[in-house]
Amino acid sequence: MKKFSKLIIVLSVITLFFSLTTLQYGDEVKRDLKQQKPVIMKSKIPRMMFDIRVKWKLFLTWTMEPPTWEWTFTFTGTKFAGTFKGIQKTHGHELLGTYKVNGMNVTFDQDPSTIDNSGSGTTFPLNFTGIFKAKNSLEGTFKCGPDTGTWTATRMFVMKKIPEKRLIPIKKPIPVVKKKEIK
């Protein structure tokens, strides 16, 4: 009887797990009054959060300054917050700062203490806001002092090199030796 009750508990836990995993963030369950079955109502709230960590190719298009600048941004930290480093392709400018991800929304801001003010004129920190358009695609707007613009980014895929040698050596099996029976 105890085995049967344990089996019932395990099956109910498994059923509960699968019913919860089919629902995603923002979904609601309502009952169909005609058939008395639960119906999942899809919500417009984002159902998943994408991971921003890794490298992205980012293109900035300025409102006042027509050229588009190409950058490589690297995000490190957690899915929710962390730091970034951006390198501008043509001039080699470097941006350092922090990022935050909230659902599908992304913000990242240049740390004002990292601005190089050695040139003429005043420089302002870059502040980005955007949204995930897909798992490997971002877009948004940015502000830099009085200037604004738009940006798009695509995830850069890094091919991992397959190791030539195995990291863990395969051990040869030890042969089993049978003892001779003494008569």
N, C-alpha and C. Protein backbone atom coordinates (compact mmCIF):
# COMPACT_ATOMS: atom_id res chain seq x y z
N MET A 1 0.81 -1.19 0.00
CA MET A 1 0.00 0.00 0.00
C MET A 1 0.86 1.26 0.00
N LYS A 2 2.01 1.23 0.73
CA LYS A 2 2.89 2.38 0.78
C LYS A 2 3.50 2.66 -0.59
N LYS A 3 3.84 1.59 -1.33
CA LYS A 3 4.41 1.77 -2.66
C LYS A 3 3.40 2.44 -3.58
N PHE A 4 2.14 2.03 -3.47
CA PHE A 4 1.08 2.60 -4.30
C PHE A 4 0.89 4.08 -3.98
N SER A 5 0.90 4.48 -2.72
CA SER A 5 0.72 5.88 -2.36
C SER A 5 1.92 6.72 -2.80
N LYS A 6 3.13 6.16 -2.73
CA LYS A 6 4.31 6.87 -3.22
C LYS A 6 4.22 7.07 -4.73
N LEU A 7 3.73 6.06 -5.43
CA LEU A 7 3.58 6.15 -6.87
C LEU A 7 2.58 7.26 -7.23
N ILE A 8 1.49 7.34 -6.50
CA ILE A 8 0.48 8.37 -6.74
C ILE A 8 1.09 9.76 -6.52
N ILE A 9 1.87 9.91 -5.46
CA ILE A 9 2.49 11.21 -5.17
C ILE A 9 3.47 11.59 -6.27
N VAL A 10 4.30 10.65 -6.71
CA VAL A 10 5.27 10.93 -7.77
C VAL A 10 4.55 11.32 -9.06
N LEU A 11 3.51 10.58 -9.42
CA LEU A 11 2.76 10.90 -10.64
C LEU A 11 2.08 12.26 -10.56
N SER A 12 1.55 12.62 -9.40
CA SER A 12 0.91 13.92 -9.27
C SER A 12 1.93 15.06 -9.34
N VAL A 13 3.12 14.84 -8.79
CA VAL A 13 4.18 15.86 -8.89
C VAL A 13 4.62 16.02 -10.34
N ILE A 14 4.77 14.92 -11.06
CA ILE A 14 5.16 14.99 -12.48
C ILE A 14 4.07 15.69 -13.28
N THR A 15 2.82 15.39 -13.03
CA THR A 15 1.72 16.03 -13.73
C THR A 15 1.70 17.53 -13.45
N LEU A 16 1.89 17.91 -12.20
CA LEU A 16 1.94 19.32 -11.83
C LEU A 16 3.10 20.02 -12.53
N PHE A 17 4.25 19.38 -12.56
CA PHE A 17 5.43 19.96 -13.23
C PHE A 17 5.14 20.23 -14.70
N PHE A 18 4.59 19.24 -15.41
CA PHE A 18 4.33 19.42 -16.83
C PHE A 18 3.22 20.44 -17.09
N SER A 19 2.26 20.53 -16.21
CA SER A 19 1.21 21.53 -16.40
C SER A 19 1.75 22.93 -16.18
N LEU A 20 2.69 23.08 -15.25
CA LEU A 20 3.27 24.40 -15.01
C LEU A 20 4.26 24.79 -16.09
N THR A 21 4.97 23.84 -16.66
CA THR A 21 5.95 24.19 -17.69
C THR A 21 5.30 24.52 -19.02
N THR A 22 4.06 24.11 -19.24
CA THR A 22 3.40 24.47 -20.49
C THR A 22 2.93 25.92 -20.44
N LEU A 23 2.70 26.44 -19.23
CA LEU A 23 2.35 27.83 -19.10
C LEU A 23 3.62 28.66 -19.10
N GLN A 24 3.55 29.83 -19.69
CA GLN A 24 4.70 30.71 -19.69
C GLN A 24 4.30 32.01 -19.01
N TYR A 25 5.29 32.83 -18.71
CA TYR A 25 5.05 34.09 -18.02
C TYR A 25 3.99 34.91 -18.75
N GLY A 26 2.96 35.31 -18.04
CA GLY A 26 1.93 36.14 -18.63
C GLY A 26 0.72 35.38 -19.13
N ASP A 27 0.79 34.06 -19.25
CA ASP A 27 -0.34 33.27 -19.72
C ASP A 27 -1.36 33.12 -18.59
N GLU A 28 -2.61 33.04 -18.96
CA GLU A 28 -3.66 32.82 -17.99
C GLU A 28 -4.41 31.55 -18.37
N VAL A 29 -4.93 30.87 -17.35
CA VAL A 29 -5.73 29.69 -17.60
C VAL A 29 -7.18 30.04 -17.29
N LYS A 30 -8.07 29.81 -18.26
CA LYS A 30 -9.50 30.02 -18.06
C LYS A 30 -10.21 28.74 -18.45
N ARG A 31 -11.41 28.59 -18.00
CA ARG A 31 -12.18 27.38 -18.30
C ARG A 31 -13.14 27.65 -19.46
N ASP A 32 -13.17 26.72 -20.41
CA ASP A 32 -14.14 26.77 -21.49
C ASP A 32 -15.46 26.26 -20.90
N LEU A 33 -16.47 27.13 -20.82
CA LEU A 33 -17.71 26.77 -20.14
C LEU A 33 -18.48 25.66 -20.86
N LYS A 34 -18.33 25.56 -22.17
CA LYS A 34 -19.06 24.53 -22.91
C LYS A 34 -18.46 23.15 -22.68
N GLN A 35 -17.13 23.03 -22.72
CA GLN A 35 -16.49 21.73 -22.62
C GLN A 35 -15.88 21.46 -21.25
N GLN A 36 -15.89 22.45 -20.36
CA GLN A 36 -15.30 22.32 -19.03
C GLN A 36 -13.82 21.92 -19.08
N LYS A 37 -13.10 22.44 -20.07
CA LYS A 37 -11.68 22.16 -20.18
C LYS A 37 -10.91 23.46 -19.96
N PRO A 38 -9.70 23.36 -19.38
CA PRO A 38 -8.91 24.59 -19.23
C PRO A 38 -8.38 25.06 -20.59
N VAL A 39 -8.38 26.36 -20.79
CA VAL A 39 -7.90 26.96 -22.03
C VAL A 39 -6.81 27.97 -21.65
N ILE A 40 -5.66 27.91 -22.33
CA ILE A 40 -4.58 28.84 -22.06
C ILE A 40 -4.80 30.09 -22.91
N MET A 41 -4.95 31.21 -22.24
CA MET A 41 -5.14 32.49 -22.92
C MET A 41 -3.77 33.15 -23.06
N LYS A 42 -3.31 33.37 -24.28
CA LYS A 42 -2.01 33.97 -24.52
C LYS A 42 -2.06 35.46 -24.20
N SER A 43 -1.07 35.92 -23.49
CA SER A 43 -0.98 37.31 -23.08
C SER A 43 0.02 38.03 -23.95
N LYS A 44 -0.05 39.35 -23.99
CA LYS A 44 0.91 40.14 -24.74
C LYS A 44 2.15 40.45 -23.91
N ILE A 45 2.17 40.03 -22.66
CA ILE A 45 3.35 40.21 -21.81
C ILE A 45 4.43 39.27 -22.33
N PRO A 46 5.69 39.72 -22.38
CA PRO A 46 6.76 38.84 -22.88
C PRO A 46 6.80 37.53 -22.11
N ARG A 47 6.94 36.42 -22.85
CA ARG A 47 6.91 35.11 -22.23
C ARG A 47 8.29 34.57 -21.93
N MET A 48 9.32 35.20 -22.42
CA MET A 48 10.66 34.71 -22.12
C MET A 48 11.62 35.88 -22.12
N MET A 49 12.71 35.68 -21.46
CA MET A 49 13.74 36.70 -21.47
C MET A 49 14.93 36.15 -22.21
N PHE A 50 15.40 36.90 -23.17
CA PHE A 50 16.56 36.47 -23.93
C PHE A 50 17.83 36.83 -23.19
N ASP A 51 18.89 36.17 -23.55
CA ASP A 51 20.18 36.35 -22.90
C ASP A 51 21.03 37.30 -23.75
N ILE A 52 21.43 38.42 -23.16
CA ILE A 52 22.20 39.43 -23.89
C ILE A 52 23.70 39.14 -23.83
N ARG A 53 24.11 38.27 -22.91
CA ARG A 53 25.54 38.03 -22.72
C ARG A 53 26.17 37.44 -23.98
N VAL A 54 27.30 37.83 -24.35
CA VAL A 54 28.19 37.47 -25.47
C VAL A 54 28.47 38.70 -26.31
N LYS A 55 28.93 38.49 -27.54
CA LYS A 55 29.30 39.60 -28.43
C LYS A 55 28.17 39.93 -29.39
N TRP A 56 28.05 41.23 -29.69
CA TRP A 56 27.05 41.73 -30.62
C TRP A 56 27.72 42.71 -31.58
N LYS A 57 27.28 42.69 -32.82
CA LYS A 57 27.70 43.71 -33.79
C LYS A 57 26.60 44.76 -33.78
N LEU A 58 26.98 46.01 -33.45
CA LEU A 58 26.01 47.07 -33.25
C LEU A 58 26.29 48.21 -34.22
N PHE A 59 25.23 48.74 -34.84
CA PHE A 59 25.35 49.84 -35.79
C PHE A 59 24.59 51.05 -35.24
N LEU A 60 25.30 52.18 -35.09
CA LEU A 60 24.71 53.44 -34.62
C LEU A 60 24.48 54.36 -35.81
N THR A 61 23.29 54.94 -35.91
CA THR A 61 23.02 55.94 -36.94
C THR A 61 22.63 57.22 -36.23
N TRP A 62 23.47 58.25 -36.37
CA TRP A 62 23.27 59.52 -35.69
C TRP A 62 22.24 60.38 -36.42
N THR A 63 21.52 61.22 -35.65
CA THR A 63 20.57 62.16 -36.26
C THR A 63 21.31 63.35 -36.83
N MET A 64 22.23 63.96 -36.04
CA MET A 64 22.96 65.14 -36.50
C MET A 64 24.15 64.77 -37.40
N GLU A 65 24.76 63.67 -37.12
CA GLU A 65 25.95 63.22 -37.85
C GLU A 65 25.53 62.03 -38.72
N PRO A 66 25.37 62.19 -40.02
CA PRO A 66 24.82 61.13 -40.87
C PRO A 66 25.53 59.78 -40.87
N PRO A 67 26.83 59.68 -40.66
CA PRO A 67 27.41 58.35 -40.83
C PRO A 67 26.91 57.33 -39.81
N THR A 68 26.96 56.08 -40.22
CA THR A 68 26.64 54.97 -39.33
C THR A 68 27.95 54.40 -38.83
N TRP A 69 28.03 54.20 -37.53
CA TRP A 69 29.24 53.64 -36.93
C TRP A 69 29.02 52.19 -36.57
N GLU A 70 30.02 51.37 -36.82
CA GLU A 70 29.95 49.94 -36.48
C GLU A 70 30.74 49.70 -35.20
N TRP A 71 30.13 48.97 -34.27
CA TRP A 71 30.74 48.66 -32.97
C TRP A 71 30.67 47.17 -32.72
N THR A 72 31.55 46.69 -31.84
CA THR A 72 31.45 45.34 -31.30
C THR A 72 31.25 45.50 -29.79
N PHE A 73 30.12 45.04 -29.31
CA PHE A 73 29.80 45.12 -27.89
C PHE A 73 29.89 43.74 -27.27
N THR A 74 30.49 43.66 -26.08
CA THR A 74 30.56 42.41 -25.32
C THR A 74 29.91 42.64 -23.98
N PHE A 75 28.87 41.85 -23.67
CA PHE A 75 28.14 41.96 -22.42
C PHE A 75 28.53 40.80 -21.50
N THR A 76 28.89 41.11 -20.26
CA THR A 76 29.23 40.07 -19.28
C THR A 76 28.48 40.36 -17.99
N GLY A 77 28.08 39.31 -17.33
CA GLY A 77 27.33 39.44 -16.08
C GLY A 77 26.25 38.38 -16.04
N THR A 78 25.06 38.77 -15.60
CA THR A 78 23.92 37.85 -15.55
C THR A 78 22.95 38.20 -16.68
N LYS A 79 21.85 37.46 -16.76
CA LYS A 79 20.82 37.77 -17.76
C LYS A 79 20.16 39.11 -17.46
N PHE A 80 20.21 39.54 -16.19
CA PHE A 80 19.47 40.72 -15.77
C PHE A 80 20.32 41.99 -15.74
N ALA A 81 21.61 41.88 -15.43
CA ALA A 81 22.46 43.07 -15.29
C ALA A 81 23.92 42.68 -15.37
N GLY A 82 24.75 43.67 -15.69
CA GLY A 82 26.18 43.43 -15.76
C GLY A 82 26.90 44.60 -16.39
N THR A 83 28.05 44.33 -16.97
CA THR A 83 28.86 45.37 -17.59
C THR A 83 29.02 45.08 -19.08
N PHE A 84 29.40 46.11 -19.82
CA PHE A 84 29.65 45.93 -21.24
C PHE A 84 30.91 46.68 -21.64
N LYS A 85 31.46 46.26 -22.77
CA LYS A 85 32.60 46.94 -23.37
C LYS A 85 32.30 47.03 -24.86
N GLY A 86 32.39 48.24 -25.40
CA GLY A 86 32.14 48.45 -26.82
C GLY A 86 33.39 49.00 -27.48
N ILE A 87 33.73 48.47 -28.64
CA ILE A 87 34.88 48.95 -29.42
C ILE A 87 34.35 49.41 -30.78
N GLN A 88 34.64 50.68 -31.15
CA GLN A 88 34.22 51.23 -32.42
C GLN A 88 35.20 50.78 -33.49
N LYS A 89 34.69 50.27 -34.61
CA LYS A 89 35.52 49.62 -35.63
C LYS A 89 36.50 50.59 -36.30
N THR A 90 36.04 51.75 -36.77
CA THR A 90 36.89 52.65 -37.55
C THR A 90 37.92 53.39 -36.70
N HIS A 91 37.46 54.02 -35.62
CA HIS A 91 38.33 54.88 -34.82
C HIS A 91 38.92 54.19 -33.60
N GLY A 92 38.39 53.04 -33.24
CA GLY A 92 38.90 52.32 -32.07
C GLY A 92 38.44 52.90 -30.74
N HIS A 93 37.41 53.77 -30.75
CA HIS A 93 36.88 54.31 -29.50
C HIS A 93 36.39 53.16 -28.63
N GLU A 94 36.49 53.35 -27.32
CA GLU A 94 36.07 52.30 -26.39
C GLU A 94 34.99 52.85 -25.47
N LEU A 95 33.91 52.08 -25.28
CA LEU A 95 32.85 52.41 -24.34
C LEU A 95 32.83 51.37 -23.23
N LEU A 96 32.71 51.83 -21.99
CA LEU A 96 32.56 50.92 -20.86
C LEU A 96 31.34 51.38 -20.08
N GLY A 97 30.57 50.44 -19.56
CA GLY A 97 29.40 50.82 -18.79
C GLY A 97 28.65 49.62 -18.25
N THR A 98 27.40 49.86 -17.88
CA THR A 98 26.56 48.81 -17.29
C THR A 98 25.29 48.64 -18.13
N TYR A 99 24.71 47.44 -18.01
CA TYR A 99 23.46 47.15 -18.72
C TYR A 99 22.44 46.56 -17.77
N LYS A 100 21.16 46.66 -18.16
CA LYS A 100 20.05 46.04 -17.44
C LYS A 100 19.08 45.47 -18.47
N VAL A 101 18.55 44.29 -18.16
CA VAL A 101 17.55 43.65 -19.01
C VAL A 101 16.32 43.40 -18.15
N ASN A 102 15.17 43.87 -18.62
CA ASN A 102 13.91 43.68 -17.90
C ASN A 102 12.90 43.14 -18.91
N GLY A 103 12.69 41.82 -18.87
CA GLY A 103 11.81 41.19 -19.87
C GLY A 103 12.46 41.28 -21.23
N MET A 104 11.82 41.99 -22.15
CA MET A 104 12.36 42.17 -23.50
C MET A 104 13.08 43.52 -23.64
N ASN A 105 13.00 44.36 -22.60
CA ASN A 105 13.59 45.70 -22.66
C ASN A 105 15.05 45.68 -22.21
N VAL A 106 15.87 46.47 -22.88
CA VAL A 106 17.30 46.53 -22.62
C VAL A 106 17.70 47.99 -22.46
N THR A 107 18.51 48.28 -21.45
CA THR A 107 19.14 49.60 -21.32
C THR A 107 20.60 49.39 -21.01
N PHE A 108 21.46 50.19 -21.62
CA PHE A 108 22.86 50.18 -21.25
C PHE A 108 23.41 51.58 -21.40
N ASP A 109 24.19 51.97 -20.39
CA ASP A 109 24.67 53.33 -20.28
C ASP A 109 26.18 53.35 -20.11
N GLN A 110 26.82 54.28 -20.81
CA GLN A 110 28.26 54.45 -20.68
C GLN A 110 28.56 55.05 -19.31
N ASP A 111 29.60 54.54 -18.69
CA ASP A 111 30.07 55.07 -17.41
C ASP A 111 30.69 56.44 -17.69
N PRO A 112 30.14 57.54 -17.11
CA PRO A 112 30.67 58.89 -17.39
C PRO A 112 32.15 59.05 -17.04
N SER A 113 32.66 58.28 -16.09
CA SER A 113 34.06 58.42 -15.71
C SER A 113 35.01 57.87 -16.78
N THR A 114 34.50 57.16 -17.76
CA THR A 114 35.36 56.59 -18.81
C THR A 114 35.41 57.46 -20.07
N ILE A 115 34.76 58.63 -20.05
CA ILE A 115 34.74 59.50 -21.23
C ILE A 115 36.09 60.18 -21.37
N ASP A 116 36.61 60.17 -22.59
CA ASP A 116 37.88 60.84 -22.89
C ASP A 116 37.60 62.29 -23.26
N ASN A 117 37.92 63.21 -22.37
CA ASN A 117 37.68 64.64 -22.61
C ASN A 117 38.94 65.35 -23.09
N SER A 118 39.89 64.62 -23.65
CA SER A 118 41.14 65.24 -24.09
C SER A 118 40.98 66.02 -25.38
N GLY A 119 39.93 65.75 -26.15
CA GLY A 119 39.73 66.45 -27.42
C GLY A 119 39.01 67.77 -27.21
N SER A 120 38.78 68.49 -28.32
CA SER A 120 38.08 69.78 -28.21
C SER A 120 36.58 69.53 -28.04
N GLY A 121 35.93 70.41 -27.33
CA GLY A 121 34.50 70.30 -27.12
C GLY A 121 34.16 69.39 -25.95
N THR A 122 32.90 69.36 -25.61
CA THR A 122 32.44 68.54 -24.49
C THR A 122 31.91 67.22 -25.03
N THR A 123 32.26 66.15 -24.36
CA THR A 123 31.72 64.84 -24.74
C THR A 123 30.72 64.41 -23.68
N PHE A 124 29.70 63.70 -24.13
CA PHE A 124 28.62 63.24 -23.27
C PHE A 124 28.60 61.72 -23.28
N PRO A 125 28.08 61.11 -22.21
CA PRO A 125 27.97 59.64 -22.22
C PRO A 125 26.85 59.19 -23.16
N LEU A 126 27.02 58.01 -23.71
CA LEU A 126 26.00 57.40 -24.56
C LEU A 126 25.03 56.61 -23.68
N ASN A 127 23.74 56.80 -23.90
CA ASN A 127 22.70 56.07 -23.17
C ASN A 127 21.80 55.37 -24.18
N PHE A 128 21.71 54.04 -24.08
CA PHE A 128 20.96 53.23 -25.03
C PHE A 128 19.69 52.68 -24.38
N THR A 129 18.60 52.67 -25.13
CA THR A 129 17.39 51.94 -24.73
C THR A 129 16.95 51.14 -25.95
N GLY A 130 16.44 49.94 -25.70
CA GLY A 130 16.03 49.12 -26.83
C GLY A 130 15.21 47.93 -26.40
N ILE A 131 15.00 47.05 -27.35
CA ILE A 131 14.15 45.89 -27.14
C ILE A 131 14.69 44.73 -27.98
N PHE A 132 14.50 43.52 -27.47
CA PHE A 132 14.81 42.34 -28.26
C PHE A 132 13.75 42.19 -29.34
N LYS A 133 14.14 42.18 -30.59
CA LYS A 133 13.20 41.91 -31.68
C LYS A 133 13.11 40.41 -31.92
N ALA A 134 14.16 39.69 -31.59
CA ALA A 134 14.23 38.24 -31.67
C ALA A 134 15.39 37.82 -30.76
N LYS A 135 15.62 36.53 -30.70
CA LYS A 135 16.67 36.01 -29.82
C LYS A 135 18.04 36.60 -30.15
N ASN A 136 18.32 36.82 -31.43
CA ASN A 136 19.63 37.28 -31.87
C ASN A 136 19.58 38.68 -32.50
N SER A 137 18.58 39.48 -32.13
CA SER A 137 18.40 40.78 -32.75
C SER A 137 17.88 41.80 -31.73
N LEU A 138 18.53 42.96 -31.69
CA LEU A 138 18.13 44.07 -30.82
C LEU A 138 17.98 45.32 -31.67
N GLU A 139 17.17 46.26 -31.19
CA GLU A 139 17.10 47.57 -31.83
C GLU A 139 16.58 48.57 -30.83
N GLY A 140 16.92 49.86 -31.08
CA GLY A 140 16.47 50.88 -30.16
C GLY A 140 16.97 52.26 -30.55
N THR A 141 16.95 53.16 -29.55
CA THR A 141 17.40 54.52 -29.74
C THR A 141 18.51 54.82 -28.73
N PHE A 142 19.28 55.86 -29.01
CA PHE A 142 20.31 56.27 -28.07
C PHE A 142 20.35 57.78 -27.97
N LYS A 143 20.96 58.27 -26.90
CA LYS A 143 21.10 59.70 -26.66
C LYS A 143 22.53 59.96 -26.26
N CYS A 144 23.11 61.02 -26.81
CA CYS A 144 24.47 61.44 -26.46
C CYS A 144 24.44 62.96 -26.40
N GLY A 145 24.19 63.50 -25.21
CA GLY A 145 24.05 64.96 -25.07
C GLY A 145 22.86 65.43 -25.87
N PRO A 146 23.05 66.44 -26.76
CA PRO A 146 21.93 66.94 -27.55
C PRO A 146 21.62 66.06 -28.77
N ASP A 147 22.50 65.13 -29.09
CA ASP A 147 22.33 64.29 -30.28
C ASP A 147 21.61 62.99 -29.91
N THR A 148 20.86 62.48 -30.85
CA THR A 148 20.15 61.22 -30.69
C THR A 148 20.33 60.39 -31.94
N GLY A 149 19.83 59.18 -31.90
CA GLY A 149 19.90 58.33 -33.08
C GLY A 149 19.28 56.98 -32.82
N THR A 150 19.45 56.10 -33.78
CA THR A 150 18.91 54.74 -33.67
C THR A 150 20.06 53.75 -33.73
N TRP A 151 19.81 52.54 -33.26
CA TRP A 151 20.82 51.48 -33.31
C TRP A 151 20.15 50.14 -33.53
N THR A 152 20.88 49.25 -34.17
CA THR A 152 20.46 47.85 -34.33
C THR A 152 21.66 46.98 -33.97
N ALA A 153 21.37 45.78 -33.49
CA ALA A 153 22.47 44.87 -33.12
C ALA A 153 22.08 43.45 -33.48
N THR A 154 23.08 42.68 -33.91
CA THR A 154 22.89 41.25 -34.16
C THR A 154 23.95 40.48 -33.41
N ARG A 155 23.55 39.34 -32.89
CA ARG A 155 24.47 38.50 -32.11
C ARG A 155 25.55 37.95 -33.02
N MET A 156 26.79 37.98 -32.52
CA MET A 156 27.92 37.41 -33.26
C MET A 156 28.12 35.98 -32.76
N PHE A 157 28.12 35.05 -33.67
CA PHE A 157 28.28 33.65 -33.31
C PHE A 157 29.76 33.30 -33.32
N VAL A 158 30.20 32.65 -32.27
CA VAL A 158 31.59 32.25 -32.15
C VAL A 158 31.65 30.74 -32.32
N MET A 159 32.44 30.29 -33.27
CA MET A 159 32.59 28.86 -33.49
C MET A 159 33.59 28.31 -32.47
N LYS A 160 33.18 27.30 -31.77
CA LYS A 160 34.08 26.66 -30.81
C LYS A 160 34.94 25.64 -31.54
N LYS A 161 36.23 25.66 -31.23
CA LYS A 161 37.15 24.73 -31.85
C LYS A 161 37.04 23.38 -31.14
N ILE A 162 36.93 22.34 -31.91
CA ILE A 162 36.86 21.00 -31.34
C ILE A 162 38.27 20.58 -30.94
N PRO A 163 38.45 20.14 -29.70
CA PRO A 163 39.81 19.76 -29.28
C PRO A 163 40.31 18.56 -30.07
N GLU A 164 41.60 18.61 -30.39
CA GLU A 164 42.19 17.52 -31.16
C GLU A 164 42.40 16.28 -30.29
N LYS A 165 42.73 16.49 -29.04
CA LYS A 165 42.94 15.37 -28.13
C LYS A 165 41.82 15.37 -27.11
N ARG A 166 41.51 14.21 -26.65
CA ARG A 166 40.49 14.09 -25.62
C ARG A 166 41.01 14.70 -24.33
N LEU A 167 40.16 15.39 -23.63
CA LEU A 167 40.57 15.99 -22.37
C LEU A 167 40.71 14.94 -21.28
N ILE A 168 39.88 13.91 -21.35
CA ILE A 168 39.94 12.83 -20.37
C ILE A 168 40.40 11.58 -21.11
N PRO A 169 41.56 11.05 -20.74
CA PRO A 169 42.03 9.86 -21.46
C PRO A 169 41.14 8.66 -21.17
N ILE A 170 40.99 7.84 -22.18
CA ILE A 170 40.20 6.62 -22.03
C ILE A 170 41.11 5.56 -21.44
N LYS A 171 40.68 4.98 -20.33
CA LYS A 171 41.49 3.94 -19.68
C LYS A 171 41.14 2.59 -20.29
N LYS A 172 42.16 1.78 -20.44
CA LYS A 172 41.94 0.44 -20.97
C LYS A 172 41.37 -0.43 -19.85
N PRO A 173 40.46 -1.31 -20.18
CA PRO A 173 39.89 -2.17 -19.14
C PRO A 173 40.93 -3.14 -18.58
N ILE A 174 40.81 -3.39 -17.32
CA ILE A 174 41.73 -4.33 -16.66
C ILE A 174 41.20 -5.74 -16.93
N PRO A 175 42.06 -6.61 -17.47
CA PRO A 175 41.59 -7.98 -17.76
C PRO A 175 41.30 -8.74 -16.46
N VAL A 176 40.27 -9.54 -16.52
CA VAL A 176 39.89 -10.35 -15.36
C VAL A 176 40.62 -11.70 -15.47
N VAL A 177 41.32 -12.04 -14.42
CA VAL A 177 42.08 -13.30 -14.39
C VAL A 177 41.32 -14.25 -13.47
N LYS A 178 41.00 -15.42 -14.01
CA LYS A 178 40.29 -16.44 -13.20
C LYS A 178 41.32 -17.26 -12.43
N LYS A 179 40.99 -17.49 -11.20
CA LYS A 179 41.87 -18.32 -10.36
C LYS A 179 41.63 -19.79 -10.70
N LYS A 180 42.70 -20.51 -10.69
CA LYS A 180 42.58 -21.94 -10.95
C LYS A 180 42.07 -22.62 -9.68
N GLU A 181 41.19 -23.55 -9.92
CA GLU A 181 40.65 -24.28 -8.77
C GLU A 181 41.66 -25.32 -8.31
N ILE A 182 41.81 -25.43 -7.02
CA ILE A 182 42.72 -26.41 -6.42
C ILE A 182 41.90 -27.67 -6.12
N LYS A 183 42.43 -28.85 -6.55
CA LYS A 183 41.73 -30.11 -6.34
C LYS A 183 42.37 -30.90 -5.26
